[in-house]
Amino acid sequence: MFIDKARMFPNCVFIIGADTLVRILDEKFLPSRKDMMNQLDLFNALIITF
């Protein structure tokens, strides 16, 4: 999962394609909407930008 890369490289800017952005934001790739929101919160806490 992309969140694993974010944990390895905190405070980074990632260049991603549209397909990766869809996977990050698509609820079908995570168990629930809450999990998706938690993942986005973690990106924010790790100072990850795209």
PDB file of N, CA and C in Angstrom:
ATOM      1  N   MET A   1       0.829  -1.176   0.000  1.00  0.00           N
ATOM      2  CA  MET A   1       0.000   0.000   0.000  1.00  0.00           C
ATOM      3  C   MET A   1       0.879   1.247   0.000  1.00  0.00           C
ATOM      4  N   PHE A   2       0.338   2.311  -0.512  1.00  0.00           N
ATOM      5  CA  PHE A   2       1.100   3.549  -0.619  1.00  0.00           C
ATOM      6  C   PHE A   2       1.443   4.115   0.753  1.00  0.00           C
ATOM      7  N   ILE A   3       0.615   3.849   1.730  1.00  0.00           N
ATOM      8  CA  ILE A   3       0.879   4.368   3.073  1.00  0.00           C
ATOM      9  C   ILE A   3       2.196   3.821   3.625  1.00  0.00           C
ATOM     10  N   ASP A   4       2.582   2.615   3.199  1.00  0.00           N
ATOM     11  CA  ASP A   4       3.863   2.049   3.634  1.00  0.00           C
ATOM     12  C   ASP A   4       5.031   2.884   3.117  1.00  0.00           C
ATOM     13  N   LYS A   5       4.943   3.338   1.873  1.00  0.00           N
ATOM     14  CA  LYS A   5       5.980   4.226   1.325  1.00  0.00           C
ATOM     15  C   LYS A   5       6.015   5.535   2.099  1.00  0.00           C
ATOM     16  N   ALA A   6       4.852   6.037   2.439  1.00  0.00           N
ATOM     17  CA  ALA A   6       4.780   7.289   3.190  1.00  0.00           C
ATOM     18  C   ALA A   6       5.463   7.143   4.548  1.00  0.00           C
ATOM     19  N   ARG A   7       5.295   6.006   5.187  1.00  0.00           N
ATOM     20  CA  ARG A   7       5.941   5.775   6.488  1.00  0.00           C
ATOM     21  C   ARG A   7       7.461   5.710   6.345  1.00  0.00           C
ATOM     22  N   MET A   8       7.937   5.151   5.233  1.00  0.00           N
ATOM     23  CA  MET A   8       9.382   5.043   5.014  1.00  0.00           C
ATOM     24  C   MET A   8      10.018   6.391   4.686  1.00  0.00           C
ATOM     25  N   PHE A   9       9.230   7.285   4.078  1.00  0.00           N
ATOM     26  CA  PHE A   9       9.762   8.571   3.627  1.00  0.00           C
ATOM     27  C   PHE A   9       8.889   9.730   4.111  1.00  0.00           C
ATOM     28  N   PRO A  10       8.855   9.967   5.417  1.00  0.00           N
ATOM     29  CA  PRO A  10       8.033  11.077   5.915  1.00  0.00           C
ATOM     30  C   PRO A  10       8.578  12.416   5.430  1.00  0.00           C
ATOM     31  N   ASN A  11       7.704  13.406   5.413  1.00  0.00           N
ATOM     32  CA  ASN A  11       8.062  14.768   5.025  1.00  0.00           C
ATOM     33  C   ASN A  11       8.591  14.828   3.592  1.00  0.00           C
ATOM     34  N   CYS A  12       7.923  14.117   2.689  1.00  0.00           N
ATOM     35  CA  CYS A  12       8.337  14.074   1.289  1.00  0.00           C
ATOM     36  C   CYS A  12       7.201  14.487   0.367  1.00  0.00           C
ATOM     37  N   VAL A  13       7.611  14.855  -0.833  1.00  0.00           N
ATOM     38  CA  VAL A  13       6.660  15.117  -1.909  1.00  0.00           C
ATOM     39  C   VAL A  13       6.726  13.922  -2.847  1.00  0.00           C
ATOM     40  N   PHE A  14       5.578  13.315  -3.126  1.00  0.00           N
ATOM     41  CA  PHE A  14       5.507  12.185  -4.041  1.00  0.00           C
ATOM     42  C   PHE A  14       4.855  12.630  -5.343  1.00  0.00           C
ATOM     43  N   ILE A  15       5.452  12.242  -6.444  1.00  0.00           N
ATOM     44  CA  ILE A  15       4.831  12.454  -7.749  1.00  0.00           C
ATOM     45  C   ILE A  15       4.110  11.159  -8.082  1.00  0.00           C
ATOM     46  N   ILE A  16       2.796  11.245  -8.232  1.00  0.00           N
ATOM     47  CA  ILE A  16       1.995  10.049  -8.486  1.00  0.00           C
ATOM     48  C   ILE A  16       1.142  10.253  -9.727  1.00  0.00           C
ATOM     49  N   GLY A  17       0.772   9.150 -10.325  1.00  0.00           N
ATOM     50  CA  GLY A  17      -0.122   9.196 -11.473  1.00  0.00           C
ATOM     51  C   GLY A  17      -1.573   9.214 -11.028  1.00  0.00           C
ATOM     52  N   ALA A  18      -2.430   9.482 -11.986  1.00  0.00           N
ATOM     53  CA  ALA A  18      -3.865   9.539 -11.697  1.00  0.00           C
ATOM     54  C   ALA A  18      -4.375   8.211 -11.166  1.00  0.00           C
ATOM     55  N   ASP A  19      -3.838   7.104 -11.673  1.00  0.00           N
ATOM     56  CA  ASP A  19      -4.294   5.792 -11.219  1.00  0.00           C
ATOM     57  C   ASP A  19      -3.966   5.567  -9.745  1.00  0.00           C
ATOM     58  N   THR A  20      -2.805   6.024  -9.301  1.00  0.00           N
ATOM     59  CA  THR A  20      -2.439   5.891  -7.888  1.00  0.00           C
ATOM     60  C   THR A  20      -3.313   6.782  -7.019  1.00  0.00           C
ATOM     61  N   LEU A  21      -3.585   7.980  -7.475  1.00  0.00           N
ATOM     62  CA  LEU A  21      -4.467   8.873  -6.723  1.00  0.00           C
ATOM     63  C   LEU A  21      -5.843   8.245  -6.543  1.00  0.00           C
ATOM     64  N   VAL A  22      -6.347   7.623  -7.589  1.00  0.00           N
ATOM     65  CA  VAL A  22      -7.651   6.949  -7.497  1.00  0.00           C
ATOM     66  C   VAL A  22      -7.593   5.845  -6.450  1.00  0.00           C
ATOM     67  N   ARG A  23      -6.509   5.062  -6.441  1.00  0.00           N
ATOM     68  CA  ARG A  23      -6.396   3.973  -5.459  1.00  0.00           C
ATOM     69  C   ARG A  23      -6.309   4.510  -4.032  1.00  0.00           C
ATOM     70  N   ILE A  24      -5.643   5.638  -3.848  1.00  0.00           N
ATOM     71  CA  ILE A  24      -5.530   6.222  -2.508  1.00  0.00           C
ATOM     72  C   ILE A  24      -6.896   6.680  -2.010  1.00  0.00           C
ATOM     73  N   LEU A  25      -7.709   7.223  -2.908  1.00  0.00           N
ATOM     74  CA  LEU A  25      -8.992   7.805  -2.508  1.00  0.00           C
ATOM     75  C   LEU A  25     -10.185   6.879  -2.682  1.00  0.00           C
ATOM     76  N   ASP A  26     -10.010   5.743  -3.326  1.00  0.00           N
ATOM     77  CA  ASP A  26     -11.129   4.841  -3.599  1.00  0.00           C
ATOM     78  C   ASP A  26     -11.370   3.921  -2.404  1.00  0.00           C
ATOM     79  N   GLU A  27     -12.570   3.987  -1.883  1.00  0.00           N
ATOM     80  CA  GLU A  27     -12.914   3.199  -0.691  1.00  0.00           C
ATOM     81  C   GLU A  27     -12.840   1.693  -0.920  1.00  0.00           C
ATOM     82  N   LYS A  28     -12.924   1.242  -2.155  1.00  0.00           N
ATOM     83  CA  LYS A  28     -12.914  -0.206  -2.385  1.00  0.00           C
ATOM     84  C   LYS A  28     -11.545  -0.829  -2.107  1.00  0.00           C
ATOM     85  N   PHE A  29     -10.501  -0.005  -1.988  1.00  0.00           N
ATOM     86  CA  PHE A  29      -9.173  -0.519  -1.696  1.00  0.00           C
ATOM     87  C   PHE A  29      -8.886  -0.579  -0.199  1.00  0.00           C
ATOM     88  N   LEU A  30      -9.830  -0.121   0.616  1.00  0.00           N
ATOM     89  CA  LEU A  30      -9.697  -0.166   2.069  1.00  0.00           C
ATOM     90  C   LEU A  30     -10.985  -0.729   2.664  1.00  0.00           C
ATOM     91  N   PRO A  31     -10.913  -1.281   3.869  1.00  0.00           N
ATOM     92  CA  PRO A  31     -12.104  -1.910   4.463  1.00  0.00           C
ATOM     93  C   PRO A  31     -13.294  -0.970   4.661  1.00  0.00           C
ATOM     94  N   SER A  32     -13.023   0.316   4.933  1.00  0.00           N
ATOM     95  CA  SER A  32     -14.138   1.230   5.200  1.00  0.00           C
ATOM     96  C   SER A  32     -13.735   2.671   4.898  1.00  0.00           C
ATOM     97  N   ARG A  33     -14.741   3.533   4.865  1.00  0.00           N
ATOM     98  CA  ARG A  33     -14.478   4.966   4.663  1.00  0.00           C
ATOM     99  C   ARG A  33     -13.654   5.520   5.826  1.00  0.00           C
ATOM    100  N   LYS A  34     -13.918   5.023   7.022  1.00  0.00           N
ATOM    101  CA  LYS A  34     -13.156   5.467   8.193  1.00  0.00           C
ATOM    102  C   LYS A  34     -11.671   5.134   8.027  1.00  0.00           C
ATOM    103  N   ASP A  35     -11.371   3.950   7.492  1.00  0.00           N
ATOM    104  CA  ASP A  35      -9.978   3.574   7.250  1.00  0.00           C
ATOM    105  C   ASP A  35      -9.328   4.504   6.226  1.00  0.00           C
ATOM    106  N   MET A  36     -10.091   4.883   5.189  1.00  0.00           N
ATOM    107  CA  MET A  36      -9.574   5.808   4.193  1.00  0.00           C
ATOM    108  C   MET A  36      -9.261   7.161   4.842  1.00  0.00           C
ATOM    109  N   MET A  37     -10.169   7.650   5.671  1.00  0.00           N
ATOM    110  CA  MET A  37      -9.954   8.933   6.337  1.00  0.00           C
ATOM    111  C   MET A  37      -8.760   8.860   7.296  1.00  0.00           C
ATOM    112  N   ASN A  38      -8.611   7.735   7.988  1.00  0.00           N
ATOM    113  CA  ASN A  38      -7.457   7.554   8.874  1.00  0.00           C
ATOM    114  C   ASN A  38      -6.154   7.570   8.080  1.00  0.00           C
ATOM    115  N   GLN A  39      -6.177   6.956   6.900  1.00  0.00           N
ATOM    116  CA  GLN A  39      -4.998   6.950   6.045  1.00  0.00           C
ATOM    117  C   GLN A  39      -4.662   8.374   5.597  1.00  0.00           C
ATOM    118  N   LEU A  40      -5.660   9.142   5.208  1.00  0.00           N
ATOM    119  CA  LEU A  40      -5.423  10.529   4.807  1.00  0.00           C
ATOM    120  C   LEU A  40      -4.894  11.351   5.979  1.00  0.00           C
ATOM    121  N   ASP A  41      -5.405  11.103   7.176  1.00  0.00           N
ATOM    122  CA  ASP A  41      -4.896  11.781   8.371  1.00  0.00           C
ATOM    123  C   ASP A  41      -3.428  11.431   8.614  1.00  0.00           C
ATOM    124  N   LEU A  42      -3.079  10.174   8.369  1.00  0.00           N
ATOM    125  CA  LEU A  42      -1.689   9.756   8.551  1.00  0.00           C
ATOM    126  C   LEU A  42      -0.782  10.426   7.522  1.00  0.00           C
ATOM    127  N   PHE A  43      -1.237  10.533   6.267  1.00  0.00           N
ATOM    128  CA  PHE A  43      -0.459  11.282   5.266  1.00  0.00           C
ATOM    129  C   PHE A  43      -0.195  12.695   5.776  1.00  0.00           C
ATOM    130  N   ASN A  44      -1.206  13.310   6.320  1.00  0.00           N
ATOM    131  CA  ASN A  44      -1.071  14.670   6.845  1.00  0.00           C
ATOM    132  C   ASN A  44      -0.091  14.707   8.019  1.00  0.00           C
ATOM    133  N   ALA A  45      -0.196  13.767   8.930  1.00  0.00           N
ATOM    134  CA  ALA A  45       0.697  13.721  10.093  1.00  0.00           C
ATOM    135  C   ALA A  45       2.151  13.495   9.674  1.00  0.00           C
ATOM    136  N   LEU A  46       2.348  12.728   8.609  1.00  0.00           N
ATOM    137  CA  LEU A  46       3.698  12.447   8.110  1.00  0.00           C
ATOM    138  C   LEU A  46       4.219  13.553   7.190  1.00  0.00           C
ATOM    139  N   ILE A  47       3.400  14.570   6.980  1.00  0.00           N
ATOM    140  CA  ILE A  47       3.720  15.706   6.105  1.00  0.00           C
ATOM    141  C   ILE A  47       4.023  15.204   4.687  1.00  0.00           C
ATOM    142  N   ILE A  48       3.124  14.389   4.173  1.00  0.00           N
ATOM    143  CA  ILE A  48       3.237  13.863   2.816  1.00  0.00           C
ATOM    144  C   ILE A  48       2.415  14.742   1.890  1.00  0.00           C
ATOM    145  N   THR A  49       3.024  15.164   0.802  1.00  0.00           N
ATOM    146  CA  THR A  49       2.303  15.926  -0.215  1.00  0.00           C
ATOM    147  C   THR A  49       2.465  15.233  -1.559  1.00  0.00           C
ATOM    148  N   PHE A  50       1.520  15.542  -2.435  1.00  0.00           N
ATOM    149  CA  PHE A  50       1.508  14.919  -3.764  1.00  0.00           C
ATOM    150  C   PHE A  50       1.567  15.979  -4.828  1.00  0.00           C
TER     151      PHE A  50
END
